[in-house]
Protein backbone atom coordinates (compact mmCIF):
# COMPACT_ATOMS: atom_id res chain seq x y z
CA UNK A 1 151.55 84.81 64.21
CA UNK A 2 154.73 86.08 65.88
CA UNK A 3 153.66 86.68 69.46
CA UNK A 4 156.67 88.86 70.22
CA UNK A 5 155.04 91.73 68.33
CA UNK A 6 151.85 91.52 70.40
CA UNK A 7 152.99 91.67 74.03
CA UNK A 8 151.23 95.01 74.48
CA UNK A 9 147.86 93.44 73.64
CA UNK A 10 145.33 93.11 76.43
CA UNK A 11 143.26 90.00 77.07
CA UNK A 12 140.41 91.77 75.25
CA UNK A 13 142.57 92.32 72.16
CA UNK A 14 143.42 88.63 72.15
CA UNK A 15 139.79 87.66 72.71
CA UNK A 16 138.84 89.65 69.62
CA UNK A 17 141.46 87.77 67.58
CA UNK A 18 140.28 84.42 68.93
CA UNK A 19 136.71 85.26 67.89
CA UNK A 20 137.97 86.01 64.39
CA UNK A 21 139.70 82.63 64.36
CA UNK A 22 136.50 80.92 65.48
CA UNK A 23 134.62 82.68 62.66
CA UNK A 24 137.14 81.36 60.11
CA UNK A 25 136.76 77.81 61.40
CA UNK A 26 132.97 78.11 61.34
CA UNK A 27 133.06 79.40 57.76
CA UNK A 28 135.37 76.56 56.71
CA UNK A 29 133.08 73.88 58.16
CA UNK A 30 130.01 75.53 56.58
CA UNK A 31 131.52 75.78 53.10
CA UNK A 32 133.45 72.48 53.03
CA UNK A 33 130.57 70.22 51.84
CA UNK A 34 130.10 72.39 48.73
CA UNK A 35 133.64 71.89 47.45
CA UNK A 36 134.94 68.61 48.84
CA UNK A 37 136.57 66.33 46.25
CA UNK A 38 136.63 69.05 43.57
CA UNK A 39 139.92 69.76 41.74
CA UNK A 40 141.71 72.57 43.54
CA UNK A 41 139.20 72.47 46.36
CA UNK A 42 141.53 74.07 48.91
CA UNK A 43 142.25 77.23 46.93
CA UNK A 44 138.59 77.57 45.90
CA UNK A 45 137.46 77.06 49.49
CA UNK A 46 139.92 79.55 50.96
CA UNK A 47 138.94 82.18 48.37
CA UNK A 48 135.25 81.64 49.13
CA UNK A 49 135.74 81.94 52.89
CA UNK A 50 137.83 85.10 52.57
CA UNK A 51 135.14 86.68 50.43
CA UNK A 52 132.44 85.60 52.88
CA UNK A 53 134.25 87.12 55.85
CA UNK A 54 135.34 90.23 53.96
CA UNK A 55 139.06 89.53 54.14
CA UNK A 56 141.56 89.29 51.31
CA UNK A 57 144.76 89.49 53.35
CA UNK A 58 146.92 86.40 53.03
CA UNK A 59 148.49 86.91 56.46
CA UNK A 60 145.06 86.46 58.07
CA UNK A 61 145.03 82.82 57.03
CA UNK A 62 147.01 79.80 58.02
CA UNK A 63 147.09 76.43 56.29
CA UNK A 64 143.92 74.41 55.79
CA UNK A 65 142.77 72.68 59.02
CA UNK A 66 143.96 69.26 57.89
CA UNK A 67 147.06 67.67 56.45
CA UNK A 68 146.81 67.17 52.69
CA UNK A 69 149.85 64.90 52.51
CA UNK A 70 147.86 61.80 53.35
CA UNK A 71 150.61 60.68 55.69
CA UNK A 72 149.51 58.87 58.80
CA UNK A 73 149.44 61.27 61.72
CA UNK A 74 150.87 60.61 65.15
CA UNK A 75 147.94 59.65 67.36
CA UNK A 76 149.59 61.11 70.44
CA UNK A 77 147.91 64.47 71.10
CA UNK A 78 151.15 66.17 72.18
CA UNK A 79 154.11 64.23 70.73
CA UNK A 80 157.31 64.40 72.73
CA UNK A 81 155.64 65.53 75.94
CA UNK A 82 154.93 63.11 78.73
CA UNK A 83 153.54 65.68 81.16
CA UNK A 84 150.87 67.39 79.05
CA UNK A 85 148.08 66.22 81.38
CA UNK A 86 149.67 68.26 84.16
CA UNK A 87 149.97 71.42 82.06
CA UNK A 88 147.36 74.20 82.27
CA UNK A 89 144.44 73.00 80.17
CA UNK A 90 145.53 69.36 80.36
CA UNK A 91 142.67 68.20 82.60
CA UNK A 92 140.13 69.86 80.28
CA UNK A 93 141.50 68.13 77.19
CA UNK A 94 141.86 64.74 78.85
CA UNK A 95 138.50 64.75 80.63
CA UNK A 96 136.63 65.99 77.55
CA UNK A 97 138.17 63.19 75.48
CA UNK A 98 136.78 60.70 78.01
CA UNK A 99 133.42 62.46 78.42
CA UNK A 100 132.75 62.75 74.70
CA UNK A 101 133.12 58.99 74.24
CA UNK A 102 130.79 58.38 77.15
CA UNK A 103 128.27 60.85 75.77
CA UNK A 104 128.29 59.20 72.35
CA UNK A 105 127.64 55.78 73.90
CA UNK A 106 124.79 57.17 75.99
CA UNK A 107 123.19 59.08 73.12
CA UNK A 108 123.38 56.01 70.88
CA UNK A 109 120.93 54.27 73.19
CA UNK A 110 118.24 56.84 72.42
CA UNK A 111 116.48 56.51 69.07
CA UNK A 112 114.48 59.77 69.16
CA UNK A 113 115.42 61.73 66.05
CA UNK A 114 114.21 65.05 67.43
CA UNK A 115 117.04 65.19 70.00
CA UNK A 116 119.80 64.59 67.44
CA UNK A 117 120.46 68.32 66.81
CA UNK A 118 120.90 68.82 70.56
CA UNK A 119 123.28 65.85 70.73
CA UNK A 120 125.32 67.23 67.83
CA UNK A 121 125.55 70.65 69.48
CA UNK A 122 126.87 69.06 72.66
CA UNK A 123 129.44 67.01 70.75
CA UNK A 124 130.52 70.14 68.89
CA UNK A 125 131.07 72.03 72.14
CA UNK A 126 133.17 69.17 73.47
CA UNK A 127 135.24 69.46 70.29
CA UNK A 128 135.64 73.21 70.80
CA UNK A 129 136.78 72.64 74.38
CA UNK A 130 139.37 70.10 73.25
CA UNK A 131 140.66 72.31 70.43
CA UNK A 132 141.16 75.40 72.59
CA UNK A 133 142.53 73.48 75.57
CA UNK A 134 145.05 71.90 73.17
CA UNK A 135 146.20 75.42 72.22
CA UNK A 136 146.59 76.25 75.91
CA UNK A 137 148.56 73.06 76.57
CA UNK A 138 150.93 73.73 73.66
CA UNK A 139 151.59 77.27 74.88
CA UNK A 140 152.04 76.20 78.49
CA UNK A 141 154.51 73.48 77.50
CA UNK A 142 156.46 76.06 75.52
CA UNK A 143 156.54 78.36 78.55
CA UNK A 144 157.80 75.46 80.67
CA UNK A 145 160.46 74.53 78.11
CA UNK A 146 161.69 78.13 77.90
CA UNK A 147 162.02 78.34 81.67
CA UNK A 148 163.98 75.09 81.87
CA UNK A 149 166.34 76.23 79.12
CA UNK A 150 166.49 79.78 80.53
CA UNK A 151 165.28 81.30 77.28
CA UNK A 152 162.94 84.19 76.67
CA UNK A 153 159.41 83.00 76.01
CA UNK A 154 157.26 84.75 73.40
CA UNK A 155 153.90 83.46 74.72
CA UNK A 156 152.00 86.47 76.15
CA UNK A 157 150.23 85.89 79.45
CA UNK A 158 147.19 87.80 78.17
CA UNK A 159 146.82 85.35 75.30
CA UNK A 160 146.55 82.42 77.71
CA UNK A 161 144.04 84.41 79.79
CA UNK A 162 141.92 85.02 76.68
CA UNK A 163 141.97 81.30 75.85
CA UNK A 164 140.82 80.39 79.35
CA UNK A 165 137.97 82.89 79.04
CA UNK A 166 136.99 81.28 75.75
CA UNK A 167 137.04 77.87 77.40
CA UNK A 168 134.74 79.19 80.12
CA UNK A 169 132.35 80.45 77.45
CA UNK A 170 132.28 76.99 75.84
CA UNK A 171 131.77 75.36 79.23
CA UNK A 172 128.79 77.64 79.96
CA UNK A 173 127.26 76.72 76.60
CA UNK A 174 127.83 73.04 77.35
CA UNK A 175 126.00 73.29 80.68
CA UNK A 176 123.05 75.04 79.01
CA UNK A 177 122.78 72.42 76.28
CA UNK A 178 122.98 69.58 78.80
CA UNK A 179 120.26 71.19 80.89
CA UNK A 180 118.00 71.44 77.84
CA UNK A 181 118.74 67.81 76.98
CA UNK A 182 117.65 66.79 80.48
CA UNK A 183 114.30 68.49 79.91
CA UNK A 184 113.80 67.12 76.40
CA UNK A 185 114.88 63.51 76.89
CA UNK A 186 113.82 61.56 80.00
CA UNK A 187 115.86 58.59 78.71
CA UNK A 188 119.07 60.64 78.79
CA UNK A 189 118.29 62.67 81.91
CA UNK A 190 120.64 60.79 84.22
CA UNK A 191 123.35 60.76 81.57
CA UNK A 192 123.05 64.50 80.92
CA UNK A 193 123.00 65.21 84.66
CA UNK A 194 126.28 63.34 85.16
CA UNK A 195 127.86 65.36 82.37
CA UNK A 196 126.53 68.61 83.87
CA UNK A 197 128.22 67.71 87.16
CA UNK A 198 131.50 67.13 85.31
CA UNK A 199 130.99 70.44 83.50
CA UNK A 200 130.62 72.21 86.84
CA UNK A 201 133.94 70.77 88.00
CA UNK A 202 135.50 71.98 84.74
CA UNK A 203 134.13 75.47 85.45
CA UNK A 204 135.74 75.56 88.90
CA UNK A 205 139.09 74.44 87.46
CA UNK A 206 139.01 77.08 84.72
CA UNK A 207 138.06 79.88 87.13
CA UNK A 208 141.00 78.95 89.38
CA UNK A 209 143.27 78.84 86.35
CA UNK A 210 142.05 82.25 85.20
CA UNK A 211 142.79 83.80 88.60
CA UNK A 212 146.23 82.20 88.60
CA UNK A 213 147.11 83.63 85.20
CA UNK A 214 145.76 87.03 86.15
CA UNK A 215 147.95 87.06 89.21
CA UNK A 216 150.82 86.45 86.80
CA UNK A 217 151.99 83.38 88.74
CA UNK A 218 155.17 82.18 87.08
CA UNK A 219 155.81 78.96 88.95
CA UNK A 220 153.98 75.93 87.54
CA UNK A 221 153.81 74.54 91.07
CA UNK A 222 151.46 77.36 92.04
CA UNK A 223 148.94 76.71 89.28
CA UNK A 224 145.73 74.81 90.18
CA UNK A 225 146.33 71.54 88.35
């Protein structure tokens, strides 16, 4: 999408578009097992998802969510940027990448099958947090680059606000799921409690970031990271 045509959009307009994007991703993940490894799976899958969501407009859809080339991908999350951890959203992405590994190790110690759906929901939310915070980091780095090169930046402030609000929604869901895990699994209670504490710190960071964007603070030095 060319952001320059959408600068009049409010944060609520952007939030509506982000929800549509989330629905497309959800539909892709749901339909993928039915078509994987079939000839022409990508075109079949995209057609099926468009029909499911009631959309036949090509400009509503980007490329498939993975690289079909088979080439080895750069393992650096933000190639060419050494300061991505300091960008808005950087602490969320970095800390979630650490927390999700810790959560997997902790959950592996519990053999109760009935808690596996809860564990998978928590891991999924961590993935959602990382995906959306990566979008925020990319946009924030582009804003920073444009300022340094004294160029006009086509990243709307309201879009970044909408992404932070989405991150807060994911964080709230994460806290709820962790609380339920504490109640359901005495073996993982301490582990879940530690992650809930980290989730609370994430909430405070995101609220501060939301206020900063809403105040339209332009200097990176004034942002809470």
